Amino acid sequence: MANKFVLLGAKGMLGSEIVSLCIKDNVTAFDLPEFNITDKDQLRRAIDDANVVINCAAFTDVEKSESQQDLAFLVNGEAVGNLAQIAAEKNIYVIHISTDFVFDGKKDSPYEETDVPRPINAYGKSKLEGEIQLMENHQNCAIIRVQWTYGKHGNNFISKLVSLSKQRDSLKIVDDQFGAPTSTQEAAKVILEFAKKKHQGLFHYAAADFANRFDVAKFAFDKLNLKTTLIPCKTNEFKSAAARPANSRFCCEKIQSLLDKPIEMWQKPLERFLENL
C-alpha cells in the first residue's frame, strides 16, 4: 500500500517545496487560513487516515516571538504535543522540522545531536518545547533540525538582501554569525527520503561546509553582479528584540550516513537558486 502523506504547513517556504516535489494525489496538504494546527479537532481530522505526517507548520517570526510568546509556544510547542499524542494512538510516522535556534551558539565547533540545547530567544525555546513534547509522547518519529533556509517560496536572508540592494547603495551585513545557507529544495528531498524509509531519531541537516553571513551575501551579490557595497559589521550593531546564536554550524554525519547522496557544499545549491531568481 502506498504511503498517504499529510503535510502540515504547506504554504511555508519548506512546505511549498515539499508539495512541488510530491506526487499530487499522494499528499494532502494543510495550512492557514483553512487549517489551524492549534485546533486539536482539526488536527485529528487532518491526520486521521495518514501513514506519514510531515510537520512544517510553525510560528517562525523570530522577532515577533519575543512579544507573542504565548502564540509561539501554542504553535511550536503545545500543538506539536497534540500531534504526537494523536499520531501515537494510530502509530503514524511523524517528521517534525526544528531549528538551529535551540542552541545558544557558544560552542566553538559544529553542533551534534547529542549536544544539550540552550536556546537564547523565545522562538528557540518554543521550538525546543515542540521537540520535547514530540519525543515524550511518540517514538515513531524523526526530528530534523535545519538552519539558514532559503527558497523560492518565502522571505529569507538571500531574498531580503537582493530586495534591499534595489533600494540602497550599501548594506551592512554581520560577519560574526556562522552557519550554512541551506536550500529548501535540497531539504525537501531529504524529508521525502525520510518519509519513504521512516528513519527515527533526532537529526541535523544543513548544506556542507559553512560561512559567515557577510561571506554568503558577498557570494550571492558577486554571482548576481549586484553593485551594492557590502559592509561587514557585528551583530551587536543591530537593534533586535531576539538574540541570535553566533554559531549555527551543524555536524551532519548522522543524517549523511542514511542518505542516498552526499550533501552538497552550500555554494552549489545557492548558485542554482540565484540563477533562477
C-alpha atoms as a PDB file:
ATOM      1  CA  MET A   1       0.000   0.000   0.000  1.00  0.00           C
ATOM      2  CA  ALA A   2       1.314   3.452  -0.944  1.00  0.00           C
ATOM      3  CA  ASN A   3       2.075   5.833   1.863  1.00  0.00           C
ATOM      4  CA  LYS A   4      -0.540   8.503   2.419  1.00  0.00           C
ATOM      5  CA  PHE A   5       1.356  11.675   3.303  1.00  0.00           C
ATOM      6  CA  VAL A   6      -0.210  14.543   5.201  1.00  0.00           C
ATOM      7  CA  LEU A   7       1.743  17.799   5.117  1.00  0.00           C
ATOM      8  CA  LEU A   8       1.087  20.480   7.742  1.00  0.00           C
ATOM      9  CA  GLY A   9       2.338  23.988   6.968  1.00  0.00           C
ATOM     10  CA  ALA A  10       2.078  23.522   3.212  1.00  0.00           C
ATOM     11  CA  LYS A  11       2.272  27.204   2.244  1.00  0.00           C
ATOM     12  CA  GLY A  12       5.523  27.999   4.045  1.00  0.00           C
ATOM     13  CA  MET A  13       8.918  28.128   2.361  1.00  0.00           C
ATOM     14  CA  LEU A  14       9.777  24.492   3.073  1.00  0.00           C
ATOM     15  CA  GLY A  15       6.227  23.121   2.875  1.00  0.00           C
ATOM     16  CA  SER A  16       5.697  24.626  -0.588  1.00  0.00           C
ATOM     17  CA  GLU A  17       8.887  22.957  -1.779  1.00  0.00           C
ATOM     18  CA  ILE A  18       7.709  19.557  -0.482  1.00  0.00           C
ATOM     19  CA  VAL A  19       4.344  19.981  -2.237  1.00  0.00           C
ATOM     20  CA  SER A  20       6.099  20.767  -5.542  1.00  0.00           C
ATOM     21  CA  LEU A  21       8.201  17.568  -5.271  1.00  0.00           C
ATOM     22  CA  CYS A  22       5.322  15.301  -4.244  1.00  0.00           C
ATOM     23  CA  ILE A  23       3.057  13.234  -6.447  1.00  0.00           C
ATOM     24  CA  LYS A  24      -0.088  15.340  -6.095  1.00  0.00           C
ATOM     25  CA  ASP A  25      -2.527  12.514  -5.350  1.00  0.00           C
ATOM     26  CA  ASN A  26      -0.243  11.101  -2.672  1.00  0.00           C
ATOM     27  CA  VAL A  27      -0.088  14.126  -0.373  1.00  0.00           C
ATOM     28  CA  THR A  28      -2.838  16.013   1.420  1.00  0.00           C
ATOM     29  CA  ALA A  29      -1.648  19.489   2.292  1.00  0.00           C
ATOM     30  CA  PHE A  30      -2.978  21.780   5.040  1.00  0.00           C
ATOM     31  CA  ASP A  31      -2.255  25.340   6.132  1.00  0.00           C
ATOM     32  CA  LEU A  32      -3.797  28.576   7.348  1.00  0.00           C
ATOM     33  CA  PRO A  33      -6.387  30.019   6.983  1.00  0.00           C
ATOM     34  CA  GLU A  34      -8.414  26.839   6.289  1.00  0.00           C
ATOM     35  CA  PHE A  35      -6.447  24.726   8.764  1.00  0.00           C
ATOM     36  CA  ASN A  36      -5.109  25.713  12.186  1.00  0.00           C
ATOM     37  CA  ILE A  37      -2.683  23.281  13.819  1.00  0.00           C
ATOM     38  CA  THR A  38      -3.591  24.645  17.274  1.00  0.00           C
ATOM     39  CA  ASP A  39      -7.166  23.327  16.877  1.00  0.00           C
ATOM     40  CA  LYS A  40      -6.922  19.757  18.188  1.00  0.00           C
ATOM     41  CA  ASP A  41     -10.133  18.594  16.482  1.00  0.00           C
ATOM     42  CA  GLN A  42      -8.999  19.958  13.118  1.00  0.00           C
ATOM     43  CA  LEU A  43      -5.626  18.314  13.642  1.00  0.00           C
ATOM     44  CA  ARG A  44      -7.189  14.957  14.438  1.00  0.00           C
ATOM     45  CA  ARG A  45      -9.357  15.091  11.300  1.00  0.00           C
ATOM     46  CA  ALA A  46      -6.420  16.175   9.121  1.00  0.00           C
ATOM     47  CA  ILE A  47      -4.145  13.268  10.009  1.00  0.00           C
ATOM     48  CA  ASP A  48      -6.854  10.651  10.624  1.00  0.00           C
ATOM     49  CA  ASP A  49      -6.027   8.281   7.764  1.00  0.00           C
ATOM     50  CA  ALA A  50      -2.353   9.203   7.204  1.00  0.00           C
ATOM     51  CA  ASN A  51       0.610   6.842   7.268  1.00  0.00           C
ATOM     52  CA  VAL A  52       3.102   9.724   7.384  1.00  0.00           C
ATOM     53  CA  VAL A  53       2.740  13.259   8.735  1.00  0.00           C
ATOM     54  CA  ILE A  54       5.311  15.911   7.835  1.00  0.00           C
ATOM     55  CA  ASN A  55       5.024  18.905  10.163  1.00  0.00           C
ATOM     56  CA  CYS A  56       6.402  22.139   8.713  1.00  0.00           C
ATOM     57  CA  ALA A  57       3.766  24.260  10.478  1.00  0.00           C
ATOM     58  CA  ALA A  58       5.422  26.782  12.798  1.00  0.00           C
ATOM     59  CA  PHE A  59       5.369  30.312  14.129  1.00  0.00           C
ATOM     60  CA  THR A  60       8.703  31.298  12.569  1.00  0.00           C
ATOM     61  CA  ASP A  61       8.924  35.069  13.132  1.00  0.00           C
ATOM     62  CA  VAL A  62      11.912  35.244  15.490  1.00  0.00           C
ATOM     63  CA  GLU A  63      11.384  38.901  16.389  1.00  0.00           C
ATOM     64  CA  LYS A  64       7.613  38.667  16.939  1.00  0.00           C
ATOM     65  CA  SER A  65       8.095  35.540  19.064  1.00  0.00           C
ATOM     66  CA  GLU A  66       9.534  37.802  21.769  1.00  0.00           C
ATOM     67  CA  SER A  67       6.324  39.866  22.027  1.00  0.00           C
ATOM     68  CA  GLN A  68       3.940  36.998  21.138  1.00  0.00           C
ATOM     69  CA  GLN A  69       5.410  34.215  23.265  1.00  0.00           C
ATOM     70  CA  ASP A  70       2.028  32.656  24.069  1.00  0.00           C
ATOM     71  CA  LEU A  71       1.295  32.200  20.365  1.00  0.00           C
ATOM     72  CA  ALA A  72       4.820  30.920  19.617  1.00  0.00           C
ATOM     73  CA  PHE A  73       4.539  28.288  22.376  1.00  0.00           C
ATOM     74  CA  LEU A  74       0.995  27.368  21.310  1.00  0.00           C
ATOM     75  CA  VAL A  75       2.005  26.689  17.686  1.00  0.00           C
ATOM     76  CA  ASN A  76       5.582  25.458  18.153  1.00  0.00           C
ATOM     77  CA  GLY A  77       5.114  23.622  21.441  1.00  0.00           C
ATOM     78  CA  GLU A  78       1.621  22.637  22.540  1.00  0.00           C
ATOM     79  CA  ALA A  79       0.303  21.852  19.030  1.00  0.00           C
ATOM     80  CA  VAL A  80       3.269  19.526  18.431  1.00  0.00           C
ATOM     81  CA  GLY A  81       2.422  17.745  21.684  1.00  0.00           C
ATOM     82  CA  ASN A  82      -1.149  17.264  20.459  1.00  0.00           C
ATOM     83  CA  LEU A  83       0.148  15.979  17.120  1.00  0.00           C
ATOM     84  CA  ALA A  84       2.375  13.477  18.974  1.00  0.00           C
ATOM     85  CA  GLN A  85      -0.498  12.168  21.098  1.00  0.00           C
ATOM     86  CA  ILE A  86      -2.860  11.740  18.135  1.00  0.00           C
ATOM     87  CA  ALA A  87      -0.135  10.118  16.000  1.00  0.00           C
ATOM     88  CA  ALA A  88       0.818   7.757  18.847  1.00  0.00           C
ATOM     89  CA  GLU A  89      -2.760   6.422  19.049  1.00  0.00           C
ATOM     90  CA  LYS A  90      -2.509   5.177  15.448  1.00  0.00           C
ATOM     91  CA  ASN A  91       1.276   4.784  15.264  1.00  0.00           C
ATOM     92  CA  ILE A  92       1.514   7.328  12.442  1.00  0.00           C
ATOM     93  CA  TYR A  93       5.124   8.143  11.466  1.00  0.00           C
ATOM     94  CA  VAL A  94       5.861  11.845  12.058  1.00  0.00           C
ATOM     95  CA  ILE A  95       8.625  14.020  10.626  1.00  0.00           C
ATOM     96  CA  HIS A  96       8.912  17.264  12.556  1.00  0.00           C
ATOM     97  CA  ILE A  97      11.065  20.192  11.407  1.00  0.00           C
ATOM     98  CA  SER A  98      13.055  22.095  14.009  1.00  0.00           C
ATOM     99  CA  THR A  99      15.862  24.640  14.061  1.00  0.00           C
ATOM    100  CA  ASP A 100      19.436  25.602  14.948  1.00  0.00           C
ATOM    101  CA  PHE A 101      17.900  28.185  17.308  1.00  0.00           C
ATOM    102  CA  VAL A 102      17.576  25.513  20.005  1.00  0.00           C
ATOM    103  CA  PHE A 103      21.304  26.196  20.676  1.00  0.00           C
ATOM    104  CA  ASP A 104      22.968  29.240  22.237  1.00  0.00           C
ATOM    105  CA  GLY A 105      25.695  29.383  19.568  1.00  0.00           C
ATOM    106  CA  LYS A 106      28.543  29.449  22.083  1.00  0.00           C
ATOM    107  CA  LYS A 107      30.138  26.143  21.066  1.00  0.00           C
ATOM    108  CA  ASP A 108      33.334  26.615  19.031  1.00  0.00           C
ATOM    109  CA  SER A 109      32.751  23.584  16.793  1.00  0.00           C
ATOM    110  CA  PRO A 110      29.741  22.215  14.869  1.00  0.00           C
ATOM    111  CA  TYR A 111      26.727  21.152  16.919  1.00  0.00           C
ATOM    112  CA  GLU A 112      25.963  17.435  17.155  1.00  0.00           C
ATOM    113  CA  GLU A 113      22.626  15.837  18.013  1.00  0.00           C
ATOM    114  CA  THR A 114      23.985  14.858  21.441  1.00  0.00           C
ATOM    115  CA  ASP A 115      24.721  18.497  22.418  1.00  0.00           C
ATOM    116  CA  VAL A 116      22.464  19.943  25.105  1.00  0.00           C
ATOM    117  CA  PRO A 117      20.084  22.613  23.707  1.00  0.00           C
ATOM    118  CA  ARG A 118      20.236  26.051  25.340  1.00  0.00           C
ATOM    119  CA  PRO A 119      18.007  28.432  23.377  1.00  0.00           C
ATOM    120  CA  ILE A 120      18.584  32.161  23.893  1.00  0.00           C
ATOM    121  CA  ASN A 121      15.322  33.529  22.461  1.00  0.00           C
ATOM    122  CA  ALA A 122      11.595  32.796  22.667  1.00  0.00           C
ATOM    123  CA  TYR A 123      11.439  31.249  19.204  1.00  0.00           C
ATOM    124  CA  GLY A 124      14.200  28.775  20.067  1.00  0.00           C
ATOM    125  CA  LYS A 125      12.592  27.965  23.417  1.00  0.00           C
ATOM    126  CA  SER A 126       9.213  27.313  21.765  1.00  0.00           C
ATOM    127  CA  LYS A 127      10.775  25.063  19.114  1.00  0.00           C
ATOM    128  CA  LEU A 128      12.657  23.113  21.789  1.00  0.00           C
ATOM    129  CA  GLU A 129       9.373  22.662  23.665  1.00  0.00           C
ATOM    130  CA  GLY A 130       7.901  21.107  20.494  1.00  0.00           C
ATOM    131  CA  GLU A 131      10.816  18.673  20.230  1.00  0.00           C
ATOM    132  CA  ILE A 132      10.386  17.649  23.879  1.00  0.00           C
ATOM    133  CA  GLN A 133       6.605  17.226  23.527  1.00  0.00           C
ATOM    134  CA  LEU A 134       7.038  15.037  20.443  1.00  0.00           C
ATOM    135  CA  MET A 135       9.750  12.800  21.884  1.00  0.00           C
ATOM    136  CA  GLU A 136       7.925  12.345  25.205  1.00  0.00           C
ATOM    137  CA  ASN A 137       4.665  11.307  23.551  1.00  0.00           C
ATOM    138  CA  HIS A 138       5.637   9.411  20.393  1.00  0.00           C
ATOM    139  CA  GLN A 139       8.557   7.182  19.412  1.00  0.00           C
ATOM    140  CA  ASN A 140       7.770   6.586  15.727  1.00  0.00           C
ATOM    141  CA  CYS A 141       9.162   9.912  14.580  1.00  0.00           C
ATOM    142  CA  ALA A 142      12.107  11.894  13.259  1.00  0.00           C
ATOM    143  CA  ILE A 143      13.049  15.439  14.221  1.00  0.00           C
ATOM    144  CA  ILE A 144      15.131  17.191  11.570  1.00  0.00           C
ATOM    145  CA  ARG A 145      16.761  20.454  12.618  1.00  0.00           C
ATOM    146  CA  VAL A 146      17.540  22.773   9.703  1.00  0.00           C
ATOM    147  CA  GLN A 147      19.244  26.169   9.533  1.00  0.00           C
ATOM    148  CA  TRP A 148      19.582  29.309   7.392  1.00  0.00           C
ATOM    149  CA  THR A 149      16.972  28.074   4.908  1.00  0.00           C
ATOM    150  CA  TYR A 150      16.222  29.892   1.673  1.00  0.00           C
ATOM    151  CA  GLY A 151      13.916  29.039  -1.205  1.00  0.00           C
ATOM    152  CA  LYS A 152      11.730  30.464  -3.920  1.00  0.00           C
ATOM    153  CA  HIS A 153       8.527  30.372  -1.861  1.00  0.00           C
ATOM    154  CA  GLY A 154       9.303  32.669   1.045  1.00  0.00           C
ATOM    155  CA  ASN A 155      11.098  35.558   2.633  1.00  0.00           C
ATOM    156  CA  ASN A 156      14.653  34.699   3.667  1.00  0.00           C
ATOM    157  CA  PHE A 157      18.135  36.139   4.188  1.00  0.00           C
ATOM    158  CA  ILE A 158      19.048  35.938   0.474  1.00  0.00           C
ATOM    159  CA  SER A 159      15.791  37.323  -0.966  1.00  0.00           C
ATOM    160  CA  LYS A 160      15.688  40.131   1.627  1.00  0.00           C
ATOM    161  CA  LEU A 161      19.218  41.242   0.689  1.00  0.00           C
ATOM    162  CA  VAL A 162      18.509  41.154  -3.041  1.00  0.00           C
ATOM    163  CA  SER A 163      15.364  43.221  -2.451  1.00  0.00           C
ATOM    164  CA  LEU A 164      17.241  45.744  -0.268  1.00  0.00           C
ATOM    165  CA  SER A 165      20.020  46.034  -2.862  1.00  0.00           C
ATOM    166  CA  LYS A 166      17.493  47.648  -5.226  1.00  0.00           C
ATOM    167  CA  GLN A 167      16.815  50.391  -2.677  1.00  0.00           C
ATOM    168  CA  ARG A 168      20.254  51.088  -1.182  1.00  0.00           C
ATOM    169  CA  ASP A 169      23.814  51.805  -2.330  1.00  0.00           C
ATOM    170  CA  SER A 170      25.320  49.958   0.639  1.00  0.00           C
ATOM    171  CA  LEU A 171      24.266  47.266   3.114  1.00  0.00           C
ATOM    172  CA  LYS A 172      25.737  46.282   6.465  1.00  0.00           C
ATOM    173  CA  ILE A 173      25.966  42.503   6.949  1.00  0.00           C
ATOM    174  CA  VAL A 174      27.085  40.716  10.101  1.00  0.00           C
ATOM    175  CA  ASP A 175      30.309  38.718   9.875  1.00  0.00           C
ATOM    176  CA  ASP A 176      30.159  37.110  13.331  1.00  0.00           C
ATOM    177  CA  GLN A 177      27.296  34.629  12.731  1.00  0.00           C
ATOM    178  CA  PHE A 178      28.393  31.318  11.192  1.00  0.00           C
ATOM    179  CA  GLY A 179      26.334  28.599   9.529  1.00  0.00           C
ATOM    180  CA  ALA A 180      25.409  27.073   6.188  1.00  0.00           C
ATOM    181  CA  PRO A 181      22.782  28.570   3.881  1.00  0.00           C
ATOM    182  CA  THR A 182      20.511  25.598   3.195  1.00  0.00           C
ATOM    183  CA  SER A 183      18.245  25.199   0.184  1.00  0.00           C
ATOM    184  CA  THR A 184      14.638  24.269   0.954  1.00  0.00           C
ATOM    185  CA  GLN A 185      14.628  22.255  -2.276  1.00  0.00           C
ATOM    186  CA  GLU A 186      17.503  20.091  -1.008  1.00  0.00           C
ATOM    187  CA  ALA A 187      15.938  19.851   2.473  1.00  0.00           C
ATOM    188  CA  ALA A 188      12.608  18.791   0.923  1.00  0.00           C
ATOM    189  CA  LYS A 189      14.321  15.928  -0.949  1.00  0.00           C
ATOM    190  CA  VAL A 190      15.826  14.691   2.325  1.00  0.00           C
ATOM    191  CA  ILE A 191      12.474  14.929   4.129  1.00  0.00           C
ATOM    192  CA  LEU A 192      10.745  12.905   1.405  1.00  0.00           C
ATOM    193  CA  GLU A 193      13.527  10.308   1.562  1.00  0.00           C
ATOM    194  CA  PHE A 194      12.831  10.029   5.314  1.00  0.00           C
ATOM    195  CA  ALA A 195       9.083   9.781   4.632  1.00  0.00           C
ATOM    196  CA  LYS A 196       9.691   6.702   2.471  1.00  0.00           C
ATOM    197  CA  LYS A 197      12.270   4.999   4.707  1.00  0.00           C
ATOM    198  CA  LYS A 198      10.831   6.085   8.080  1.00  0.00           C
ATOM    199  CA  HIS A 199      14.127   6.703   9.869  1.00  0.00           C
ATOM    200  CA  GLN A 200      13.643   7.500  13.563  1.00  0.00           C
ATOM    201  CA  GLY A 201      15.530   9.866  15.848  1.00  0.00           C
ATOM    202  CA  LEU A 202      16.977  13.360  16.026  1.00  0.00           C
ATOM    203  CA  PHE A 203      18.989  14.680  13.070  1.00  0.00           C
ATOM    204  CA  HIS A 204      20.850  17.789  11.932  1.00  0.00           C
ATOM    205  CA  TYR A 205      20.623  18.793   8.272  1.00  0.00           C
ATOM    206  CA  ALA A 206      22.393  21.676   6.556  1.00  0.00           C
ATOM    207  CA  ALA A 207      24.394  22.231   3.392  1.00  0.00           C
ATOM    208  CA  ALA A 208      28.028  21.134   3.674  1.00  0.00           C
ATOM    209  CA  ASP A 209      30.774  23.479   4.937  1.00  0.00           C
ATOM    210  CA  PHE A 210      29.949  26.868   6.473  1.00  0.00           C
ATOM    211  CA  ALA A 211      30.491  30.615   6.166  1.00  0.00           C
ATOM    212  CA  ASN A 212      29.549  33.820   7.952  1.00  0.00           C
ATOM    213  CA  ARG A 213      26.564  35.837   6.772  1.00  0.00           C
ATOM    214  CA  PHE A 214      28.751  38.521   5.168  1.00  0.00           C
ATOM    215  CA  ASP A 215      30.587  35.927   3.054  1.00  0.00           C
ATOM    216  CA  VAL A 216      27.291  34.356   1.981  1.00  0.00           C
ATOM    217  CA  ALA A 217      25.947  37.771   0.953  1.00  0.00           C
ATOM    218  CA  LYS A 218      29.163  38.561  -0.941  1.00  0.00           C
ATOM    219  CA  PHE A 219      28.964  35.227  -2.773  1.00  0.00           C
ATOM    220  CA  ALA A 220      25.347  35.929  -3.804  1.00  0.00           C
ATOM    221  CA  PHE A 221      25.990  39.531  -4.857  1.00  0.00           C
ATOM    222  CA  ASP A 222      29.062  38.532  -6.897  1.00  0.00           C
ATOM    223  CA  LYS A 223      27.062  35.837  -8.702  1.00  0.00           C
ATOM    224  CA  LEU A 224      24.219  38.280  -9.412  1.00  0.00           C
ATOM    225  CA  ASN A 225      26.664  41.051 -10.347  1.00  0.00           C
ATOM    226  CA  LEU A 226      24.974  43.482  -7.944  1.00  0.00           C
ATOM    227  CA  LYS A 227      26.794  46.759  -7.410  1.00  0.00           C
ATOM    228  CA  THR A 228      25.576  47.454  -3.865  1.00  0.00           C
ATOM    229  CA  THR A 229      28.527  47.843  -1.461  1.00  0.00           C
ATOM    230  CA  LEU A 230      28.544  45.299   1.353  1.00  0.00           C
ATOM    231  CA  ILE A 231      29.995  46.420   4.683  1.00  0.00           C
ATOM    232  CA  PRO A 232      30.920  43.844   7.349  1.00  0.00           C
ATOM    233  CA  CYS A 233      29.685  44.586  10.873  1.00  0.00           C
ATOM    234  CA  LYS A 234      28.949  42.887  14.206  1.00  0.00           C
ATOM    235  CA  THR A 235      25.633  41.516  15.475  1.00  0.00           C
ATOM    236  CA  ASN A 236      25.540  43.996  18.362  1.00  0.00           C
ATOM    237  CA  GLU A 237      25.402  46.879  15.865  1.00  0.00           C
ATOM    238  CA  PHE A 238      21.817  45.874  15.008  1.00  0.00           C
ATOM    239  CA  LYS A 239      18.924  46.561  17.361  1.00  0.00           C
ATOM    240  CA  SER A 240      16.993  43.329  17.720  1.00  0.00           C
ATOM    241  CA  ALA A 241      14.287  42.034  20.048  1.00  0.00           C
ATOM    242  CA  ALA A 242      15.675  38.488  19.852  1.00  0.00           C
ATOM    243  CA  ALA A 243      19.241  37.300  20.455  1.00  0.00           C
ATOM    244  CA  ARG A 244      20.794  35.236  17.636  1.00  0.00           C
ATOM    245  CA  PRO A 245      23.251  32.329  18.043  1.00  0.00           C
ATOM    246  CA  ALA A 246      26.710  33.199  16.707  1.00  0.00           C
ATOM    247  CA  ASN A 247      27.497  29.590  15.803  1.00  0.00           C
ATOM    248  CA  SER A 248      24.815  27.636  13.930  1.00  0.00           C
ATOM    249  CA  ARG A 249      27.154  25.106  12.359  1.00  0.00           C
ATOM    250  CA  PHE A 250      25.822  21.542  12.287  1.00  0.00           C
ATOM    251  CA  CYS A 251      27.641  18.235  12.209  1.00  0.00           C
ATOM    252  CA  CYS A 252      25.584  16.276   9.657  1.00  0.00           C
ATOM    253  CA  GLU A 253      27.435  12.939   9.774  1.00  0.00           C
ATOM    254  CA  LYS A 254      24.469  11.145  11.367  1.00  0.00           C
ATOM    255  CA  ILE A 255      21.977  12.092   8.664  1.00  0.00           C
ATOM    256  CA  GLN A 256      24.544  11.747   5.867  1.00  0.00           C
ATOM    257  CA  SER A 257      25.067   8.081   6.795  1.00  0.00           C
ATOM    258  CA  LEU A 258      21.388   7.437   5.924  1.00  0.00           C
ATOM    259  CA  LEU A 259      21.087   9.472   2.727  1.00  0.00           C
ATOM    260  CA  ASP A 260      21.366   8.143  -0.825  1.00  0.00           C
ATOM    261  CA  LYS A 261      23.544  11.053  -1.993  1.00  0.00           C
ATOM    262  CA  PRO A 262      26.282  13.208  -0.444  1.00  0.00           C
ATOM    263  CA  ILE A 263      25.184  16.583   0.932  1.00  0.00           C
ATOM    264  CA  GLU A 264      26.428  19.320  -1.424  1.00  0.00           C
ATOM    265  CA  MET A 265      28.636  22.253  -0.399  1.00  0.00           C
ATOM    266  CA  TRP A 266      26.445  25.300   0.263  1.00  0.00           C
ATOM    267  CA  GLN A 267      27.705  27.175  -2.796  1.00  0.00           C
ATOM    268  CA  LYS A 268      26.245  24.748  -5.367  1.00  0.00           C
ATOM    269  CA  PRO A 269      22.512  24.861  -4.448  1.00  0.00           C
ATOM    270  CA  LEU A 270      22.771  28.606  -3.774  1.00  0.00           C
ATOM    271  CA  GLU A 271      24.207  29.144  -7.251  1.00  0.00           C
ATOM    272  CA  ARG A 272      21.284  27.210  -8.785  1.00  0.00           C
ATOM    273  CA  PHE A 273      18.825  29.263  -6.732  1.00  0.00           C
ATOM    274  CA  LEU A 274      20.418  32.556  -7.812  1.00  0.00           C
ATOM    275  CA  GLU A 275      20.323  31.527 -11.492  1.00  0.00           C
ATOM    276  CA  ASN A 276      16.530  31.262 -11.227  1.00  0.00           C
ATOM    277  CA  LEU A 277      15.879  34.483  -9.338  1.00  0.00           C
END
